[in-house]
Protein backbone atom coordinates (compact mmCIF):
# COMPACT_ATOMS: atom_id res chain seq x y z
CA MET A 1 -49.97 188.89 334.19
CA LYS A 2 -52.37 187.30 336.68
CA ILE A 3 -55.24 189.43 335.36
CA ALA A 4 -54.41 188.46 331.78
CA ARG A 5 -54.52 184.75 332.66
CA SER A 6 -57.83 185.17 334.47
CA LEU A 7 -59.27 187.10 331.54
CA LEU A 8 -58.05 184.42 329.12
CA ALA A 9 -59.64 181.68 331.25
CA VAL A 10 -62.95 183.55 331.29
CA LEU A 11 -62.84 184.01 327.50
CA VAL A 12 -62.06 180.32 326.94
CA LEU A 13 -64.97 179.27 329.16
CA ALA A 14 -67.32 181.71 327.42
CA PHE A 15 -66.27 180.39 324.01
CA ALA A 16 -66.74 176.78 325.13
CA SER A 17 -70.22 177.62 326.40
CA CYS A 18 -71.15 179.19 323.06
CA VAL A 19 -69.85 176.17 321.11
CA THR A 20 -71.78 173.79 323.37
CA ALA A 21 -74.98 175.80 322.95
CA VAL A 22 -74.63 175.81 319.16
CA ALA A 23 -73.89 172.06 319.11
CA ALA A 24 -76.97 171.38 321.24
CA ASP A 25 -79.15 173.15 318.67
CA ARG A 26 -77.80 171.16 315.72
CA GLU A 27 -79.73 168.20 314.41
CA GLU A 28 -78.03 164.87 315.11
CA LYS A 29 -77.69 162.97 311.83
CA VAL A 30 -75.96 159.60 311.66
CA VAL A 31 -75.30 157.08 308.90
CA TYR A 32 -74.76 153.48 309.96
CA HIS A 33 -72.70 151.68 307.30
CA MET A 34 -73.34 147.94 307.05
CA ASN A 35 -71.43 145.85 304.53
CA GLU A 36 -70.99 142.59 306.44
CA ALA A 37 -73.48 139.84 307.27
CA ALA A 38 -71.75 138.70 310.49
CA ASN A 39 -74.15 140.09 313.12
CA PRO A 40 -76.78 142.52 311.91
CA MET A 41 -78.87 142.06 315.07
CA ALA A 42 -76.04 143.61 317.11
CA ALA A 43 -76.03 146.62 314.76
CA LEU A 44 -79.82 146.92 314.97
CA ASN A 45 -79.55 146.82 318.77
CA ASN A 46 -76.90 149.57 318.59
CA ILE A 47 -79.34 151.69 316.61
CA ARG A 48 -82.12 150.98 319.11
CA ASN A 49 -79.79 151.99 321.97
CA HIS A 50 -78.74 155.10 320.05
CA LEU A 51 -82.38 156.17 319.69
CA ASN A 52 -83.10 155.41 323.34
CA ALA A 53 -80.29 157.78 324.32
CA SER A 54 -81.01 160.33 321.59
CA PRO A 55 -84.64 159.98 320.44
CA LYS A 56 -84.49 162.85 317.95
CA ALA A 57 -81.46 161.48 316.07
CA LYS A 58 -81.99 161.12 312.34
CA ILE A 59 -80.54 157.72 311.40
CA VAL A 60 -79.98 156.22 307.96
CA VAL A 61 -78.68 152.68 307.54
CA VAL A 62 -76.83 152.15 304.26
CA THR A 63 -76.14 148.56 303.22
CA HIS A 64 -74.14 146.92 300.47
CA GLY A 65 -72.40 143.63 299.82
CA PRO A 66 -73.35 140.93 302.34
CA GLY A 67 -74.65 143.72 304.57
CA ILE A 68 -77.95 143.71 302.67
CA ASP A 69 -78.84 140.13 303.61
CA PHE A 70 -80.87 141.01 306.71
CA LEU A 71 -83.15 143.15 304.51
CA LEU A 72 -84.15 140.22 302.31
CA ASP A 73 -87.64 138.82 302.80
CA GLY A 74 -87.63 135.96 305.29
CA ALA A 75 -84.11 136.67 306.66
CA MET A 76 -83.52 135.40 310.20
CA ASP A 77 -80.68 135.45 312.69
CA LYS A 78 -78.90 132.26 313.82
CA ASN A 79 -81.60 131.70 316.48
CA GLY A 80 -84.43 131.87 313.94
CA ASN A 81 -85.56 135.39 314.89
CA PRO A 82 -86.76 137.38 311.86
CA TYR A 83 -85.06 140.68 311.18
CA ASP A 84 -88.09 142.32 309.61
CA ALA A 85 -89.83 142.89 312.97
CA VAL A 86 -86.84 144.79 314.36
CA VAL A 87 -86.45 146.72 311.11
CA GLN A 88 -90.14 147.66 311.22
CA GLU A 89 -89.78 148.82 314.83
CA LEU A 90 -86.87 151.06 313.82
CA VAL A 91 -88.71 152.35 310.75
CA ASN A 92 -91.54 153.32 313.11
CA ARG A 93 -88.89 155.37 314.93
CA GLN A 94 -88.01 157.12 311.63
CA VAL A 95 -84.87 155.09 310.79
CA GLN A 96 -84.34 154.69 307.04
CA PHE A 97 -82.81 151.61 305.41
CA ARG A 98 -81.07 151.92 302.04
CA VAL A 99 -79.79 149.10 299.85
CA CYS A 100 -77.12 149.28 297.15
CA ASN A 101 -78.44 148.56 293.65
CA ASN A 102 -74.92 147.60 292.50
CA THR A 103 -74.99 144.79 295.06
CA LEU A 104 -78.41 143.62 293.88
CA GLU A 105 -77.20 143.53 290.27
CA THR A 106 -73.83 141.92 291.02
CA ARG A 107 -75.39 139.24 293.20
CA ARG A 108 -78.37 138.86 290.84
CA ILE A 109 -80.88 139.46 293.62
CA ASP A 110 -84.35 140.43 292.47
CA ARG A 111 -85.38 143.71 294.11
CA LYS A 112 -88.72 142.08 294.91
CA ARG A 113 -86.88 139.99 297.53
CA LEU A 114 -86.25 143.11 299.64
CA ILE A 115 -88.57 143.83 302.52
CA PRO A 116 -90.82 146.85 301.85
CA GLU A 117 -89.00 149.02 304.42
CA ALA A 118 -85.83 149.05 302.29
CA THR A 119 -85.16 151.72 299.67
CA ILE A 120 -82.79 151.10 296.78
CA VAL A 121 -80.00 153.59 296.06
CA PRO A 122 -77.68 153.41 293.03
CA SER A 123 -74.52 152.79 295.08
CA GLY A 124 -74.12 152.07 298.79
CA VAL A 125 -70.64 153.56 299.12
CA ALA A 126 -71.64 156.64 297.12
CA GLU A 127 -74.67 157.07 299.39
CA VAL A 128 -72.51 156.90 302.53
CA SER A 129 -70.18 159.50 301.03
CA ARG A 130 -73.04 161.75 299.93
CA LEU A 131 -74.67 161.68 303.35
CA GLN A 132 -71.39 162.58 305.03
CA VAL A 133 -70.14 165.26 302.64
CA GLN A 134 -73.34 166.86 301.38
CA GLU A 135 -75.69 166.39 304.32
CA GLY A 136 -73.30 166.41 307.30
CA TYR A 137 -74.05 162.94 308.68
CA ALA A 138 -71.73 161.41 311.26
CA TYR A 139 -70.39 157.97 310.27
CA ILE A 140 -70.74 154.84 312.37
CA LYS A 141 -69.52 151.38 311.34
CA PRO A 142 -71.04 148.90 313.78
């Protein structure tokens, strides 16, 4: 009985080691879902911190509703700091920013008002779902 327990413990540890090794080889893909305008700078700082801890992470930010506001030309935080500089910094680190076309149409926002770093997708929620289901992205709601 003692030998069986020891053998089981060794097998469990070996399996855990294999799982960890496989997980370490997998690409880290994360979708940040932003649909509120409350504090986008905090979310952008979360993304910056994420990349500092995991520089190879592939990050896509999907916005819809009021969550797109920080991607409009001239948008600034409550202290007058422009968002576009932080967005550009993150784009330089390979972060992608996607904006919901349904939101643009519903809110009657001309797509020309978006900063150049933003890409329009047909539906923000559909894009979040697609990234999770079809491409295996982890979901984060800052």
